[in-house]
Amino acid sequence: MTASIYQLALGRSFDGLQPELQKYFGLHHASGSFGIGKGVFDIAGCPAWFMRPFFTLAAGENSFFPEYETDVPFTIHNWAHADPFGRTSLTAQRELQFTGVARTFEDTSTWTGGGLIDYLGAHRRMATALHCSVTSDGRLRMVSTRTRLFTGPVRLPVPDIVGAQAYMEQWWDPGTERFRIQTRVLHRQLGTLLVYAGSFTYGLVEYDGGLPDVAAPRRWEPRT
């Protein structure tokens, strides 16, 4: 049986997700389709003013963004595929339309056999471990831990006490018939560094599989 990265990460717990979430997170490389969503973030960006110069630089890597606004339109594309190293993966591209500027936020989540790793940015130079769980009401919850940076041959672990952690929760809202998501990146000393929360519609589009060139990163990272 072909499984998605989330089915591999959650095991039997996957069946506890809301049915709509099972369809969303069940996308795998043999599905013959990719996902596309459109919606609005009620709030999105960096509320920590002192981090905005750093996030301006990170925006060039398609990893973070310095803006902080409400009512931000966005789209998301999800492609399930095998990466160049044969690992089951899912690449996501989010386009956020802030006032006067569009930002891209891209990542590839990969099942390594022992866990789920998320590689961020156009050159995938940052990676975090993702812990997935299912809430009692069928929502998906993910927490990032064990951040590391890749610079040339150097793999640099970032201690959790120094780095930030991301907390994400996604669910289906039957009242509005839309998916809802809320994500917050928290630093123990500095507070909330990045946030985005909102709702969106989502559907699957048939295609012949693989990852299109337009969605591929500028660099792949084999290390975990």
N, C-alpha and C. Protein backbone atom coordinates (compact mmCIF):
# COMPACT_ATOMS: atom_id res chain seq x y z
N MET A 1 0.84 -1.20 0.00
CA MET A 1 0.00 0.00 0.00
C MET A 1 0.87 1.25 0.00
N THR A 2 0.58 2.20 -0.89
CA THR A 2 1.30 3.46 -0.92
C THR A 2 0.73 4.39 0.13
N ALA A 3 1.62 5.00 0.91
CA ALA A 3 1.18 5.85 2.02
C ALA A 3 1.77 7.24 1.90
N SER A 4 1.07 8.21 2.44
CA SER A 4 1.57 9.57 2.49
C SER A 4 2.54 9.72 3.65
N ILE A 5 3.26 10.83 3.67
CA ILE A 5 4.21 11.07 4.76
C ILE A 5 3.48 11.15 6.10
N TYR A 6 2.25 11.64 6.09
CA TYR A 6 1.51 11.79 7.34
C TYR A 6 0.94 10.45 7.80
N GLN A 7 0.58 9.59 6.88
CA GLN A 7 0.17 8.25 7.26
C GLN A 7 1.34 7.48 7.87
N LEU A 8 2.53 7.68 7.30
CA LEU A 8 3.72 7.03 7.85
C LEU A 8 4.06 7.58 9.23
N ALA A 9 3.92 8.88 9.40
CA ALA A 9 4.28 9.51 10.67
C ALA A 9 3.27 9.19 11.78
N LEU A 10 1.99 9.12 11.42
CA LEU A 10 0.94 8.93 12.43
C LEU A 10 0.58 7.47 12.66
N GLY A 11 0.83 6.63 11.68
CA GLY A 11 0.43 5.23 11.84
C GLY A 11 -1.08 5.10 11.98
N ARG A 12 -1.53 4.27 12.90
CA ARG A 12 -2.96 4.04 13.09
C ARG A 12 -3.70 5.30 13.53
N SER A 13 -2.99 6.25 14.13
CA SER A 13 -3.65 7.48 14.59
C SER A 13 -4.21 8.29 13.43
N PHE A 14 -3.70 8.05 12.22
CA PHE A 14 -4.18 8.78 11.05
C PHE A 14 -5.69 8.63 10.89
N ASP A 15 -6.23 7.45 11.23
CA ASP A 15 -7.66 7.19 11.07
C ASP A 15 -8.50 8.02 12.03
N GLY A 16 -7.88 8.65 13.02
CA GLY A 16 -8.61 9.50 13.95
C GLY A 16 -8.80 10.92 13.45
N LEU A 17 -8.17 11.27 12.33
CA LEU A 17 -8.37 12.60 11.75
C LEU A 17 -9.78 12.75 11.19
N GLN A 18 -10.25 13.97 11.14
CA GLN A 18 -11.51 14.25 10.44
C GLN A 18 -11.40 13.70 9.01
N PRO A 19 -12.49 13.18 8.44
CA PRO A 19 -12.42 12.61 7.08
C PRO A 19 -11.85 13.58 6.05
N GLU A 20 -12.19 14.85 6.17
CA GLU A 20 -11.68 15.85 5.23
C GLU A 20 -10.16 16.01 5.36
N LEU A 21 -9.67 15.91 6.60
CA LEU A 21 -8.23 15.99 6.81
C LEU A 21 -7.53 14.74 6.30
N GLN A 22 -8.17 13.59 6.41
CA GLN A 22 -7.57 12.37 5.88
C GLN A 22 -7.36 12.48 4.37
N LYS A 23 -8.31 13.11 3.69
CA LYS A 23 -8.15 13.30 2.25
C LYS A 23 -7.03 14.30 1.97
N TYR A 24 -6.99 15.38 2.74
CA TYR A 24 -5.97 16.41 2.56
C TYR A 24 -4.58 15.84 2.80
N PHE A 25 -4.39 15.17 3.93
CA PHE A 25 -3.06 14.69 4.31
C PHE A 25 -2.75 13.29 3.80
N GLY A 26 -3.67 12.71 3.03
CA GLY A 26 -3.43 11.39 2.45
C GLY A 26 -2.77 11.44 1.09
N LEU A 27 -2.44 12.63 0.59
CA LEU A 27 -1.82 12.78 -0.73
C LEU A 27 -0.46 12.08 -0.76
N HIS A 28 -0.26 11.20 -1.73
CA HIS A 28 1.03 10.50 -1.87
C HIS A 28 1.47 10.53 -3.33
N HIS A 29 2.69 10.04 -3.57
CA HIS A 29 3.29 10.24 -4.90
C HIS A 29 2.58 9.49 -6.01
N ALA A 30 1.77 8.48 -5.66
CA ALA A 30 1.05 7.73 -6.67
C ALA A 30 -0.41 8.16 -6.77
N SER A 31 -0.76 9.28 -6.16
CA SER A 31 -2.15 9.75 -6.16
C SER A 31 -2.61 10.20 -7.54
N GLY A 32 -1.68 10.64 -8.38
CA GLY A 32 -2.05 11.16 -9.69
C GLY A 32 -2.69 12.52 -9.62
N SER A 33 -2.39 13.26 -8.55
CA SER A 33 -2.98 14.59 -8.40
C SER A 33 -2.10 15.43 -7.50
N PHE A 34 -2.27 16.75 -7.57
CA PHE A 34 -1.65 17.66 -6.62
C PHE A 34 -2.75 18.50 -6.00
N GLY A 35 -2.45 19.15 -4.89
CA GLY A 35 -3.46 19.93 -4.19
C GLY A 35 -3.24 21.41 -4.36
N ILE A 36 -4.36 22.15 -4.43
CA ILE A 36 -4.27 23.61 -4.50
C ILE A 36 -5.35 24.20 -3.61
N GLY A 37 -4.94 25.16 -2.79
CA GLY A 37 -5.86 25.82 -1.88
C GLY A 37 -5.78 27.33 -2.04
N LYS A 38 -6.91 28.00 -1.78
CA LYS A 38 -6.98 29.45 -1.84
C LYS A 38 -7.76 29.96 -0.64
N GLY A 39 -7.24 31.00 -0.01
CA GLY A 39 -7.92 31.52 1.15
C GLY A 39 -7.36 32.84 1.62
N VAL A 40 -7.66 33.17 2.87
CA VAL A 40 -7.22 34.42 3.46
C VAL A 40 -6.73 34.14 4.87
N PHE A 41 -5.54 34.66 5.18
CA PHE A 41 -5.06 34.63 6.55
C PHE A 41 -5.65 35.83 7.30
N ASP A 42 -6.32 35.55 8.40
CA ASP A 42 -6.83 36.64 9.23
C ASP A 42 -5.69 37.51 9.74
N ILE A 43 -4.56 36.85 10.00
CA ILE A 43 -3.35 37.56 10.41
C ILE A 43 -2.15 36.76 9.92
N ALA A 44 -1.09 37.45 9.48
CA ALA A 44 0.09 36.76 8.98
C ALA A 44 1.30 37.67 9.08
N GLY A 45 2.43 37.08 9.48
CA GLY A 45 3.68 37.82 9.46
C GLY A 45 4.42 37.81 10.78
N CYS A 46 5.30 38.78 10.91
CA CYS A 46 6.23 38.86 12.03
C CYS A 46 5.81 39.99 12.99
N PRO A 47 5.26 39.65 14.17
CA PRO A 47 4.87 40.70 15.12
C PRO A 47 6.05 41.26 15.91
N ALA A 48 7.20 40.58 15.84
CA ALA A 48 8.38 41.01 16.60
C ALA A 48 9.20 41.98 15.75
N TRP A 49 9.07 43.27 16.00
CA TRP A 49 9.70 44.28 15.14
C TRP A 49 11.21 44.10 15.04
N PHE A 50 11.85 43.62 16.12
CA PHE A 50 13.31 43.49 16.13
C PHE A 50 13.79 42.34 15.25
N MET A 51 12.89 41.44 14.84
CA MET A 51 13.27 40.34 13.97
C MET A 51 13.07 40.65 12.49
N ARG A 52 12.39 41.75 12.18
CA ARG A 52 12.04 42.02 10.79
C ARG A 52 13.24 42.22 9.87
N PRO A 53 14.33 42.86 10.31
CA PRO A 53 15.50 42.93 9.42
C PRO A 53 16.04 41.55 9.05
N PHE A 54 16.04 40.61 9.99
CA PHE A 54 16.52 39.26 9.71
C PHE A 54 15.55 38.52 8.79
N PHE A 55 14.25 38.72 9.02
CA PHE A 55 13.26 38.06 8.18
C PHE A 55 13.21 38.66 6.78
N THR A 56 13.63 39.92 6.63
CA THR A 56 13.75 40.50 5.30
C THR A 56 14.81 39.75 4.50
N LEU A 57 15.91 39.41 5.14
CA LEU A 57 16.94 38.60 4.48
C LEU A 57 16.42 37.20 4.19
N ALA A 58 15.70 36.62 5.16
CA ALA A 58 15.17 35.27 4.99
C ALA A 58 14.14 35.21 3.87
N ALA A 59 13.46 36.33 3.60
CA ALA A 59 12.45 36.35 2.55
C ALA A 59 13.07 36.03 1.19
N GLY A 60 14.34 36.39 1.01
CA GLY A 60 15.03 36.06 -0.23
C GLY A 60 15.25 34.57 -0.39
N GLU A 61 15.16 33.84 0.72
CA GLU A 61 15.30 32.38 0.71
C GLU A 61 13.94 31.68 0.70
N ASN A 62 12.86 32.47 0.62
CA ASN A 62 11.51 31.90 0.64
C ASN A 62 11.24 31.07 1.89
N SER A 63 11.74 31.59 3.03
CA SER A 63 11.53 30.85 4.28
C SER A 63 10.70 31.62 5.29
N PHE A 64 10.98 32.91 5.51
CA PHE A 64 10.20 33.73 6.43
C PHE A 64 9.90 35.06 5.74
N PHE A 65 9.12 35.92 6.40
CA PHE A 65 8.77 37.20 5.80
C PHE A 65 8.57 38.22 6.90
N PRO A 66 8.96 39.49 6.64
CA PRO A 66 8.97 40.52 7.68
C PRO A 66 7.65 41.26 7.86
N GLU A 67 6.75 41.17 6.90
CA GLU A 67 5.49 41.91 6.98
C GLU A 67 4.63 41.38 8.14
N TYR A 68 3.68 42.21 8.54
CA TYR A 68 2.73 41.80 9.59
C TYR A 68 1.41 42.50 9.30
N GLU A 69 0.44 41.75 8.77
CA GLU A 69 -0.81 42.35 8.31
C GLU A 69 -1.99 41.43 8.61
N THR A 70 -3.17 42.00 8.49
CA THR A 70 -4.41 41.23 8.57
C THR A 70 -5.00 41.08 7.17
N ASP A 71 -5.89 40.09 7.04
CA ASP A 71 -6.60 39.86 5.77
C ASP A 71 -5.65 39.72 4.59
N VAL A 72 -4.78 38.72 4.67
CA VAL A 72 -3.77 38.49 3.65
C VAL A 72 -4.21 37.34 2.74
N PRO A 73 -4.51 37.58 1.47
CA PRO A 73 -4.85 36.49 0.56
C PRO A 73 -3.65 35.56 0.34
N PHE A 74 -3.93 34.28 0.17
CA PHE A 74 -2.83 33.34 -0.06
C PHE A 74 -3.32 32.16 -0.89
N THR A 75 -2.36 31.50 -1.52
CA THR A 75 -2.60 30.22 -2.18
C THR A 75 -1.57 29.22 -1.68
N ILE A 76 -1.91 27.94 -1.75
CA ILE A 76 -0.96 26.89 -1.39
C ILE A 76 -1.06 25.78 -2.43
N HIS A 77 0.10 25.27 -2.83
CA HIS A 77 0.18 24.11 -3.72
C HIS A 77 0.94 23.01 -2.99
N ASN A 78 0.40 21.79 -3.04
CA ASN A 78 1.04 20.63 -2.43
C ASN A 78 1.32 19.58 -3.48
N TRP A 79 2.57 19.14 -3.56
CA TRP A 79 2.96 18.07 -4.47
C TRP A 79 3.59 16.93 -3.67
N ALA A 80 3.03 15.75 -3.76
CA ALA A 80 3.63 14.56 -3.16
C ALA A 80 4.55 13.90 -4.19
N HIS A 81 5.72 13.49 -3.74
CA HIS A 81 6.72 12.97 -4.68
C HIS A 81 7.82 12.24 -3.91
N ALA A 82 8.71 11.59 -4.62
CA ALA A 82 9.94 11.08 -4.04
C ALA A 82 11.04 12.09 -4.31
N ASP A 83 11.86 12.37 -3.30
CA ASP A 83 12.95 13.32 -3.52
C ASP A 83 14.09 12.63 -4.27
N PRO A 84 15.15 13.36 -4.66
CA PRO A 84 16.23 12.73 -5.44
C PRO A 84 16.93 11.58 -4.73
N PHE A 85 16.71 11.43 -3.43
CA PHE A 85 17.35 10.37 -2.66
C PHE A 85 16.39 9.21 -2.40
N GLY A 86 15.22 9.25 -3.06
CA GLY A 86 14.27 8.17 -2.97
C GLY A 86 13.35 8.23 -1.76
N ARG A 87 13.36 9.33 -1.03
CA ARG A 87 12.55 9.43 0.18
C ARG A 87 11.15 9.98 -0.13
N THR A 88 10.16 9.42 0.52
CA THR A 88 8.79 9.89 0.36
C THR A 88 8.67 11.31 0.91
N SER A 89 8.16 12.23 0.08
CA SER A 89 8.20 13.65 0.44
C SER A 89 6.93 14.37 0.01
N LEU A 90 6.74 15.55 0.56
CA LEU A 90 5.68 16.46 0.16
C LEU A 90 6.26 17.87 0.12
N THR A 91 6.20 18.50 -1.04
CA THR A 91 6.67 19.88 -1.19
C THR A 91 5.47 20.82 -1.24
N ALA A 92 5.56 21.89 -0.45
CA ALA A 92 4.48 22.89 -0.39
C ALA A 92 5.04 24.26 -0.75
N GLN A 93 4.28 24.99 -1.53
CA GLN A 93 4.59 26.39 -1.84
C GLN A 93 3.38 27.25 -1.47
N ARG A 94 3.63 28.25 -0.64
CA ARG A 94 2.58 29.19 -0.25
C ARG A 94 2.93 30.56 -0.80
N GLU A 95 1.97 31.20 -1.43
CA GLU A 95 2.14 32.56 -1.94
C GLU A 95 1.23 33.48 -1.13
N LEU A 96 1.83 34.44 -0.44
CA LEU A 96 1.08 35.39 0.37
C LEU A 96 1.14 36.77 -0.27
N GLN A 97 -0.03 37.39 -0.41
CA GLN A 97 -0.10 38.69 -1.06
C GLN A 97 -0.27 39.78 -0.01
N PHE A 98 0.87 40.31 0.47
CA PHE A 98 0.84 41.44 1.39
C PHE A 98 0.64 42.73 0.58
N THR A 99 0.42 43.83 1.27
CA THR A 99 0.24 45.11 0.60
C THR A 99 1.53 45.49 -0.14
N GLY A 100 1.45 45.52 -1.45
CA GLY A 100 2.59 45.96 -2.26
C GLY A 100 3.66 44.93 -2.50
N VAL A 101 3.54 43.71 -1.95
CA VAL A 101 4.58 42.71 -2.15
C VAL A 101 4.01 41.31 -1.96
N ALA A 102 4.46 40.38 -2.81
CA ALA A 102 4.09 38.97 -2.68
C ALA A 102 5.27 38.21 -2.09
N ARG A 103 4.99 37.32 -1.15
CA ARG A 103 6.02 36.51 -0.52
C ARG A 103 5.74 35.03 -0.77
N THR A 104 6.82 34.28 -0.96
CA THR A 104 6.73 32.83 -1.11
C THR A 104 7.33 32.16 0.12
N PHE A 105 6.64 31.15 0.60
CA PHE A 105 7.13 30.37 1.74
C PHE A 105 7.09 28.91 1.30
N GLU A 106 8.26 28.28 1.17
CA GLU A 106 8.31 26.93 0.62
C GLU A 106 9.09 25.98 1.53
N ASP A 107 8.68 24.71 1.48
CA ASP A 107 9.36 23.68 2.28
C ASP A 107 9.08 22.32 1.68
N THR A 108 9.90 21.35 2.08
CA THR A 108 9.69 19.95 1.73
C THR A 108 9.73 19.13 3.00
N SER A 109 8.65 18.41 3.27
CA SER A 109 8.60 17.51 4.42
C SER A 109 8.89 16.10 3.92
N THR A 110 9.78 15.40 4.61
CA THR A 110 10.31 14.12 4.12
C THR A 110 10.26 13.07 5.22
N TRP A 111 9.80 11.88 4.84
CA TRP A 111 9.82 10.75 5.75
C TRP A 111 11.18 10.06 5.63
N THR A 112 11.92 10.00 6.72
CA THR A 112 13.28 9.46 6.68
C THR A 112 13.36 8.00 7.09
N GLY A 113 12.22 7.42 7.45
CA GLY A 113 12.21 6.05 7.95
C GLY A 113 12.11 6.00 9.46
N GLY A 114 12.64 7.05 10.10
CA GLY A 114 12.56 7.11 11.56
C GLY A 114 11.81 8.31 12.06
N GLY A 115 11.37 9.17 11.13
CA GLY A 115 10.66 10.37 11.54
C GLY A 115 10.44 11.30 10.36
N LEU A 116 9.78 12.40 10.64
CA LEU A 116 9.45 13.39 9.63
C LEU A 116 10.35 14.61 9.79
N ILE A 117 11.02 14.99 8.70
CA ILE A 117 11.92 16.14 8.69
C ILE A 117 11.37 17.17 7.72
N ASP A 118 11.38 18.43 8.14
CA ASP A 118 10.91 19.52 7.29
C ASP A 118 12.10 20.38 6.90
N TYR A 119 12.35 20.49 5.59
CA TYR A 119 13.44 21.30 5.05
C TYR A 119 12.85 22.60 4.52
N LEU A 120 13.36 23.74 5.02
CA LEU A 120 12.78 25.04 4.69
C LEU A 120 13.68 25.85 3.77
N GLY A 121 13.02 26.71 2.96
CA GLY A 121 13.73 27.67 2.15
C GLY A 121 14.11 27.16 0.78
N ALA A 122 14.46 28.08 -0.10
CA ALA A 122 14.77 27.74 -1.49
C ALA A 122 15.96 26.80 -1.60
N HIS A 123 16.93 26.93 -0.67
CA HIS A 123 18.10 26.07 -0.69
C HIS A 123 18.06 24.99 0.39
N ARG A 124 16.94 24.92 1.10
CA ARG A 124 16.72 23.87 2.11
C ARG A 124 17.88 23.80 3.10
N ARG A 125 18.33 24.97 3.57
CA ARG A 125 19.48 25.03 4.48
C ARG A 125 19.07 24.93 5.95
N MET A 126 17.78 24.92 6.22
CA MET A 126 17.29 24.74 7.58
C MET A 126 16.37 23.54 7.62
N ALA A 127 16.48 22.74 8.68
CA ALA A 127 15.62 21.57 8.83
C ALA A 127 15.17 21.46 10.28
N THR A 128 13.97 20.95 10.46
CA THR A 128 13.44 20.69 11.79
C THR A 128 12.78 19.32 11.80
N ALA A 129 12.77 18.70 12.95
CA ALA A 129 12.00 17.47 13.14
C ALA A 129 10.55 17.85 13.43
N LEU A 130 9.62 17.11 12.85
CA LEU A 130 8.20 17.38 13.06
C LEU A 130 7.57 16.23 13.83
N HIS A 131 6.91 16.58 14.92
CA HIS A 131 6.15 15.59 15.68
C HIS A 131 4.67 15.81 15.40
N CYS A 132 4.00 14.79 14.87
CA CYS A 132 2.60 14.89 14.49
C CYS A 132 1.73 14.13 15.49
N SER A 133 0.54 14.69 15.75
CA SER A 133 -0.41 14.01 16.62
C SER A 133 -1.82 14.39 16.20
N VAL A 134 -2.79 13.62 16.69
CA VAL A 134 -4.19 13.86 16.39
C VAL A 134 -4.90 14.23 17.68
N THR A 135 -5.64 15.33 17.65
CA THR A 135 -6.35 15.76 18.84
C THR A 135 -7.62 14.91 19.03
N SER A 136 -8.26 15.07 20.18
CA SER A 136 -9.45 14.28 20.49
C SER A 136 -10.61 14.58 19.55
N ASP A 137 -10.60 15.78 18.94
CA ASP A 137 -11.67 16.12 18.00
C ASP A 137 -11.24 16.01 16.54
N GLY A 138 -10.12 15.30 16.29
CA GLY A 138 -9.75 14.96 14.93
C GLY A 138 -8.91 15.97 14.19
N ARG A 139 -8.35 16.95 14.88
CA ARG A 139 -7.47 17.91 14.23
C ARG A 139 -6.05 17.35 14.13
N LEU A 140 -5.29 17.86 13.17
CA LEU A 140 -3.87 17.51 13.09
C LEU A 140 -3.06 18.58 13.81
N ARG A 141 -2.17 18.15 14.66
CA ARG A 141 -1.28 19.06 15.38
C ARG A 141 0.16 18.67 15.07
N MET A 142 1.00 19.66 14.77
CA MET A 142 2.42 19.42 14.51
C MET A 142 3.26 20.39 15.33
N VAL A 143 4.35 19.88 15.86
CA VAL A 143 5.30 20.68 16.63
C VAL A 143 6.69 20.42 16.08
N SER A 144 7.42 21.49 15.80
CA SER A 144 8.79 21.34 15.29
C SER A 144 9.78 21.36 16.45
N THR A 145 10.79 20.51 16.34
CA THR A 145 11.86 20.46 17.34
C THR A 145 13.18 20.22 16.61
N ARG A 146 14.27 20.29 17.35
CA ARG A 146 15.60 19.90 16.84
C ARG A 146 15.93 20.59 15.52
N THR A 147 15.99 21.90 15.55
CA THR A 147 16.39 22.67 14.36
C THR A 147 17.87 22.47 14.08
N ARG A 148 18.22 22.38 12.81
CA ARG A 148 19.63 22.34 12.41
C ARG A 148 19.80 23.14 11.13
N LEU A 149 21.02 23.66 10.96
CA LEU A 149 21.36 24.46 9.79
C LEU A 149 22.45 23.73 9.01
N PHE A 150 22.41 23.86 7.69
CA PHE A 150 23.41 23.24 6.82
C PHE A 150 24.15 24.33 6.06
N THR A 151 25.43 24.46 6.32
CA THR A 151 26.27 25.43 5.62
C THR A 151 27.48 24.69 5.05
N GLY A 152 27.45 24.44 3.75
CA GLY A 152 28.51 23.64 3.15
C GLY A 152 28.52 22.26 3.76
N PRO A 153 29.70 21.77 4.18
CA PRO A 153 29.76 20.44 4.78
C PRO A 153 29.36 20.40 6.25
N VAL A 154 29.09 21.57 6.82
CA VAL A 154 28.82 21.65 8.26
C VAL A 154 27.33 21.48 8.53
N ARG A 155 27.03 20.60 9.47
CA ARG A 155 25.67 20.43 10.00
C ARG A 155 25.66 21.01 11.40
N LEU A 156 24.90 22.08 11.61
CA LEU A 156 24.95 22.83 12.87
C LEU A 156 23.64 22.68 13.63
N PRO A 157 23.59 21.84 14.67
CA PRO A 157 22.37 21.73 15.48
C PRO A 157 22.15 23.02 16.29
N VAL A 158 20.89 23.43 16.37
CA VAL A 158 20.52 24.61 17.15
C VAL A 158 19.79 24.11 18.40
N PRO A 159 20.35 24.31 19.59
CA PRO A 159 19.67 23.84 20.81
C PRO A 159 18.28 24.43 20.94
N ASP A 160 17.31 23.63 21.40
CA ASP A 160 15.94 24.10 21.54
C ASP A 160 15.85 25.32 22.45
N ILE A 161 16.72 25.40 23.42
CA ILE A 161 16.66 26.52 24.35
C ILE A 161 17.05 27.83 23.68
N VAL A 162 17.80 27.74 22.56
CA VAL A 162 18.21 28.92 21.81
C VAL A 162 17.28 29.18 20.63
N GLY A 163 16.89 28.11 19.95
CA GLY A 163 16.06 28.26 18.76
C GLY A 163 14.60 28.45 19.08
N ALA A 164 13.80 28.57 18.03
CA ALA A 164 12.36 28.73 18.15
C ALA A 164 11.67 27.43 17.72
N GLN A 165 10.47 27.24 18.19
CA GLN A 165 9.68 26.08 17.82
C GLN A 165 8.38 26.53 17.17
N ALA A 166 7.93 25.75 16.17
CA ALA A 166 6.69 26.06 15.47
C ALA A 166 5.59 25.12 15.95
N TYR A 167 4.41 25.70 16.13
CA TYR A 167 3.23 24.95 16.56
C TYR A 167 2.14 25.17 15.52
N MET A 168 1.65 24.08 14.91
CA MET A 168 0.66 24.19 13.87
C MET A 168 -0.53 23.29 14.20
N GLU A 169 -1.72 23.78 13.89
CA GLU A 169 -2.93 22.98 14.03
C GLU A 169 -3.82 23.25 12.84
N GLN A 170 -4.35 22.19 12.24
CA GLN A 170 -5.22 22.33 11.08
C GLN A 170 -6.46 21.47 11.28
N TRP A 171 -7.62 21.99 10.81
CA TRP A 171 -8.86 21.25 10.96
C TRP A 171 -9.85 21.68 9.90
N TRP A 172 -10.92 20.90 9.80
CA TRP A 172 -12.01 21.20 8.88
C TRP A 172 -13.15 21.83 9.67
N ASP A 173 -13.64 22.97 9.16
CA ASP A 173 -14.73 23.68 9.81
C ASP A 173 -16.01 23.38 9.03
N PRO A 174 -16.89 22.49 9.54
CA PRO A 174 -18.10 22.14 8.79
C PRO A 174 -19.07 23.30 8.65
N GLY A 175 -18.99 24.27 9.56
CA GLY A 175 -19.89 25.41 9.48
C GLY A 175 -19.65 26.28 8.27
N THR A 176 -18.39 26.45 7.89
CA THR A 176 -18.03 27.27 6.73
C THR A 176 -17.60 26.44 5.54
N GLU A 177 -17.44 25.12 5.76
CA GLU A 177 -16.94 24.20 4.73
C GLU A 177 -15.59 24.67 4.18
N ARG A 178 -14.72 25.03 5.10
CA ARG A 178 -13.37 25.46 4.76
C ARG A 178 -12.39 24.83 5.75
N PHE A 179 -11.15 24.66 5.29
CA PHE A 179 -10.09 24.26 6.20
C PHE A 179 -9.63 25.49 6.99
N ARG A 180 -9.24 25.26 8.21
CA ARG A 180 -8.66 26.32 9.03
C ARG A 180 -7.28 25.88 9.50
N ILE A 181 -6.38 26.85 9.60
CA ILE A 181 -5.02 26.57 10.04
C ILE A 181 -4.54 27.69 10.94
N GLN A 182 -3.78 27.34 11.95
CA GLN A 182 -3.12 28.35 12.75
C GLN A 182 -1.71 27.85 13.07
N THR A 183 -0.74 28.71 12.81
CA THR A 183 0.67 28.38 13.02
C THR A 183 1.33 29.53 13.76
N ARG A 184 2.15 29.17 14.73
CA ARG A 184 2.86 30.18 15.52
C ARG A 184 4.28 29.69 15.77
N VAL A 185 5.26 30.54 15.50
CA VAL A 185 6.66 30.24 15.80
C VAL A 185 7.04 30.99 17.07
N LEU A 186 7.39 30.25 18.10
CA LEU A 186 7.64 30.83 19.42
C LEU A 186 9.09 30.64 19.85
N HIS A 187 9.64 31.67 20.43
CA HIS A 187 10.95 31.63 21.06
C HIS A 187 10.76 31.78 22.56
N ARG A 188 11.48 31.00 23.34
CA ARG A 188 11.24 30.99 24.79
C ARG A 188 11.44 32.35 25.42
N GLN A 189 12.44 33.08 24.96
CA GLN A 189 12.73 34.38 25.55
C GLN A 189 12.09 35.54 24.78
N LEU A 190 11.98 35.41 23.48
CA LEU A 190 11.57 36.53 22.63
C LEU A 190 10.09 36.53 22.27
N GLY A 191 9.39 35.45 22.56
CA GLY A 191 7.96 35.39 22.29
C GLY A 191 7.66 34.95 20.86
N THR A 192 6.53 35.42 20.34
CA THR A 192 6.08 35.03 19.00
C THR A 192 6.89 35.75 17.93
N LEU A 193 7.53 34.97 17.07
CA LEU A 193 8.34 35.54 15.99
C LEU A 193 7.60 35.56 14.66
N LEU A 194 6.71 34.59 14.46
CA LEU A 194 5.97 34.50 13.20
C LEU A 194 4.62 33.86 13.49
N VAL A 195 3.60 34.33 12.78
CA VAL A 195 2.27 33.77 12.96
C VAL A 195 1.51 33.84 11.65
N TYR A 196 0.71 32.83 11.38
CA TYR A 196 -0.29 32.95 10.33
C TYR A 196 -1.47 32.04 10.68
N ALA A 197 -2.66 32.59 10.49
CA ALA A 197 -3.88 31.89 10.85
C ALA A 197 -5.00 32.34 9.95
N GLY A 198 -5.78 31.39 9.42
CA GLY A 198 -6.86 31.75 8.54
C GLY A 198 -7.59 30.53 8.03
N SER A 199 -8.29 30.69 6.92
CA SER A 199 -9.08 29.60 6.36
C SER A 199 -8.91 29.56 4.85
N PHE A 200 -9.24 28.40 4.27
CA PHE A 200 -9.06 28.26 2.82
C PHE A 200 -9.90 27.09 2.29
N THR A 201 -10.18 27.17 1.01
CA THR A 201 -10.77 26.05 0.28
C THR A 201 -9.64 25.25 -0.35
N TYR A 202 -9.93 24.00 -0.71
CA TYR A 202 -8.85 23.14 -1.19
C TYR A 202 -9.44 22.06 -2.09
N GLY A 203 -8.70 21.75 -3.14
CA GLY A 203 -9.11 20.68 -4.03
C GLY A 203 -7.92 20.01 -4.68
N LEU A 204 -8.16 18.87 -5.30
CA LEU A 204 -7.12 18.11 -5.98
C LEU A 204 -7.27 18.24 -7.49
N VAL A 205 -6.13 18.34 -8.16
CA VAL A 205 -6.09 18.48 -9.61
C VAL A 205 -5.28 17.32 -10.18
N GLU A 206 -5.81 16.66 -11.19
CA GLU A 206 -5.10 15.53 -11.79
C GLU A 206 -3.83 16.00 -12.50
N TYR A 207 -2.77 15.21 -12.35
CA TYR A 207 -1.55 15.45 -13.13
C TYR A 207 -0.73 14.17 -13.13
N ASP A 208 0.38 14.16 -13.88
CA ASP A 208 1.08 12.90 -14.15
C ASP A 208 2.13 12.53 -13.11
N GLY A 209 2.15 13.22 -12.00
CA GLY A 209 3.05 12.85 -10.91
C GLY A 209 4.40 13.54 -10.98
N GLY A 210 5.20 13.33 -9.93
CA GLY A 210 6.50 13.98 -9.84
C GLY A 210 6.38 15.40 -9.34
N LEU A 211 7.51 16.07 -9.26
CA LEU A 211 7.55 17.46 -8.80
C LEU A 211 7.91 18.35 -9.98
N PRO A 212 7.04 19.29 -10.36
CA PRO A 212 7.36 20.16 -11.49
C PRO A 212 8.54 21.06 -11.19
N ASP A 213 9.25 21.46 -12.25
CA ASP A 213 10.45 22.29 -12.07
C ASP A 213 10.14 23.57 -11.32
N VAL A 214 8.96 24.14 -11.53
CA VAL A 214 8.62 25.42 -10.90
C VAL A 214 8.53 25.28 -9.38
N ALA A 215 8.33 24.06 -8.89
CA ALA A 215 8.19 23.85 -7.45
C ALA A 215 9.45 23.28 -6.81
N ALA A 216 10.43 22.90 -7.62
CA ALA A 216 11.64 22.28 -7.09
C ALA A 216 12.53 23.31 -6.40
N PRO A 217 13.18 22.93 -5.31
CA PRO A 217 14.11 23.87 -4.65
C PRO A 217 15.36 24.08 -5.49
N ARG A 218 16.09 25.11 -5.16
CA ARG A 218 17.36 25.38 -5.85
C ARG A 218 18.42 24.39 -5.42
N ARG A 219 18.20 23.73 -4.31
CA ARG A 219 19.17 22.79 -3.79
C ARG A 219 18.44 21.76 -2.93
N TRP A 220 18.84 20.49 -3.02
CA TRP A 220 18.30 19.43 -2.17
C TRP A 220 19.29 19.11 -1.06
N GLU A 221 18.77 18.70 0.07
CA GLU A 221 19.63 18.37 1.21
C GLU A 221 19.39 16.91 1.63
N PRO A 222 20.43 16.06 1.52
CA PRO A 222 20.26 14.65 1.89
C PRO A 222 20.38 14.39 3.39
N ARG A 223 21.06 15.30 4.10
CA ARG A 223 21.33 15.06 5.53
C ARG A 223 20.09 15.32 6.38
N THR A 224 20.05 14.65 7.52
CA THR A 224 18.96 14.83 8.46
C THR A 224 19.47 15.39 9.79
